[in-house]
């Protein structure tokens, strides 16, 4: 059985013209659950910043995210 390849970043659902995503937009773009999204943020695997109570993830941080995650699982 062939492993499922990650889609290229252009195939992911990223809102056009956006500089940052909310946590909900991030998890929807990568089809991950809320718990995993917050775990990735807490562990520093995805950089983010806060404005008040809201958490934002720069889109630039997500460009190589699938490659970084694939590389870290091979250790």
C-alpha atoms as a PDB file:
ATOM      1  CA  UNK A   1       0.000   0.000   0.000  1.00  0.00           C
ATOM      2  CA  UNK A   2       1.332   3.434  -0.946  1.00  0.00           C
ATOM      3  CA  UNK A   3       1.472   6.116   1.753  1.00  0.00           C
ATOM      4  CA  UNK A   4      -0.822   9.068   1.217  1.00  0.00           C
ATOM      5  CA  UNK A   5       1.151  12.081   0.031  1.00  0.00           C
ATOM      6  CA  UNK A   6       0.537  15.494   1.576  1.00  0.00           C
ATOM      7  CA  UNK A   7      -1.025  17.955  -0.868  1.00  0.00           C
ATOM      8  CA  UNK A   8       1.135  20.900  -1.898  1.00  0.00           C
ATOM      9  CA  UNK A   9       0.487  24.112   0.043  1.00  0.00           C
ATOM     10  CA  UNK A  10      -1.276  25.580  -3.006  1.00  0.00           C
ATOM     11  CA  UNK A  11      -3.848  22.789  -2.729  1.00  0.00           C
ATOM     12  CA  UNK A  12      -4.600  23.572   0.912  1.00  0.00           C
ATOM     13  CA  UNK A  13      -7.512  25.804   1.760  1.00  0.00           C
ATOM     14  CA  UNK A  14      -5.848  29.113   2.567  1.00  0.00           C
ATOM     15  CA  UNK A  15      -7.927  32.284   2.349  1.00  0.00           C
ATOM     16  CA  UNK A  16      -6.554  34.494  -0.458  1.00  0.00           C
ATOM     17  CA  UNK A  17      -4.876  37.706   0.597  1.00  0.00           C
ATOM     18  CA  UNK A  18      -4.659  36.734   4.267  1.00  0.00           C
ATOM     19  CA  UNK A  19      -1.450  37.233   6.234  1.00  0.00           C
ATOM     20  CA  UNK A  20      -2.558  35.264   9.311  1.00  0.00           C
ATOM     21  CA  UNK A  21      -5.012  32.499  10.127  1.00  0.00           C
ATOM     22  CA  UNK A  22      -7.013  31.869  13.252  1.00  0.00           C
ATOM     23  CA  UNK A  23      -6.612  28.510  14.967  1.00  0.00           C
ATOM     24  CA  UNK A  24      -9.927  27.354  13.470  1.00  0.00           C
ATOM     25  CA  UNK A  25      -8.798  28.343   9.953  1.00  0.00           C
ATOM     26  CA  UNK A  26      -5.454  26.585  10.528  1.00  0.00           C
ATOM     27  CA  UNK A  27      -7.063  23.344  11.645  1.00  0.00           C
ATOM     28  CA  UNK A  28      -9.602  23.430   8.800  1.00  0.00           C
ATOM     29  CA  UNK A  29      -6.825  24.043   6.253  1.00  0.00           C
ATOM     30  CA  UNK A  30      -4.879  21.014   7.454  1.00  0.00           C
ATOM     31  CA  UNK A  31      -7.899  18.882   8.392  1.00  0.00           C
ATOM     32  CA  UNK A  32      -6.761  18.373  11.984  1.00  0.00           C
ATOM     33  CA  UNK A  33      -8.777  18.405  15.193  1.00  0.00           C
ATOM     34  CA  UNK A  34      -8.762  21.261  17.684  1.00  0.00           C
ATOM     35  CA  UNK A  35      -6.706  19.307  20.236  1.00  0.00           C
ATOM     36  CA  UNK A  36      -3.918  18.579  17.752  1.00  0.00           C
ATOM     37  CA  UNK A  37      -3.886  22.199  16.551  1.00  0.00           C
ATOM     38  CA  UNK A  38      -3.415  23.534  20.079  1.00  0.00           C
ATOM     39  CA  UNK A  39      -0.817  20.843  20.849  1.00  0.00           C
ATOM     40  CA  UNK A  40       1.236  21.898  17.794  1.00  0.00           C
ATOM     41  CA  UNK A  41       1.078  25.504  18.988  1.00  0.00           C
ATOM     42  CA  UNK A  42       1.975  24.616  22.583  1.00  0.00           C
ATOM     43  CA  UNK A  43       4.948  22.479  21.498  1.00  0.00           C
ATOM     44  CA  UNK A  44       6.220  25.304  19.260  1.00  0.00           C
ATOM     45  CA  UNK A  45       5.923  23.254  16.078  1.00  0.00           C
ATOM     46  CA  UNK A  46       3.801  26.062  14.641  1.00  0.00           C
ATOM     47  CA  UNK A  47       4.711  29.626  15.536  1.00  0.00           C
ATOM     48  CA  UNK A  48       1.888  31.912  16.571  1.00  0.00           C
ATOM     49  CA  UNK A  49       1.168  35.174  18.342  1.00  0.00           C
ATOM     50  CA  UNK A  50      -1.628  36.550  20.487  1.00  0.00           C
ATOM     51  CA  UNK A  51      -3.697  39.679  20.162  1.00  0.00           C
ATOM     52  CA  UNK A  52      -5.773  39.870  23.308  1.00  0.00           C
ATOM     53  CA  UNK A  53      -7.318  36.434  23.742  1.00  0.00           C
ATOM     54  CA  UNK A  54      -7.028  35.478  20.069  1.00  0.00           C
ATOM     55  CA  UNK A  55      -4.243  33.356  18.611  1.00  0.00           C
ATOM     56  CA  UNK A  56      -3.010  33.950  15.067  1.00  0.00           C
ATOM     57  CA  UNK A  57      -0.697  31.866  12.868  1.00  0.00           C
ATOM     58  CA  UNK A  58       1.230  33.643  10.081  1.00  0.00           C
ATOM     59  CA  UNK A  59       0.518  32.077   6.674  1.00  0.00           C
ATOM     60  CA  UNK A  60       4.277  32.220   5.948  1.00  0.00           C
ATOM     61  CA  UNK A  61       4.777  29.826   8.887  1.00  0.00           C
ATOM     62  CA  UNK A  62       2.526  27.270   7.176  1.00  0.00           C
ATOM     63  CA  UNK A  63       4.250  27.215   3.785  1.00  0.00           C
ATOM     64  CA  UNK A  64       6.715  24.486   4.783  1.00  0.00           C
ATOM     65  CA  UNK A  65       4.640  23.035   7.644  1.00  0.00           C
ATOM     66  CA  UNK A  66       3.798  19.712   5.895  1.00  0.00           C
ATOM     67  CA  UNK A  67       7.476  19.153   4.994  1.00  0.00           C
ATOM     68  CA  UNK A  68       8.605  19.948   8.552  1.00  0.00           C
ATOM     69  CA  UNK A  69       6.084  17.528  10.018  1.00  0.00           C
ATOM     70  CA  UNK A  70       7.040  14.792   7.556  1.00  0.00           C
ATOM     71  CA  UNK A  71      10.711  15.305   8.423  1.00  0.00           C
ATOM     72  CA  UNK A  72      10.125  15.206  12.167  1.00  0.00           C
ATOM     73  CA  UNK A  73       8.176  11.927  11.993  1.00  0.00           C
ATOM     74  CA  UNK A  74      11.112  10.164  10.328  1.00  0.00           C
ATOM     75  CA  UNK A  75      13.420  10.459  13.328  1.00  0.00           C
END
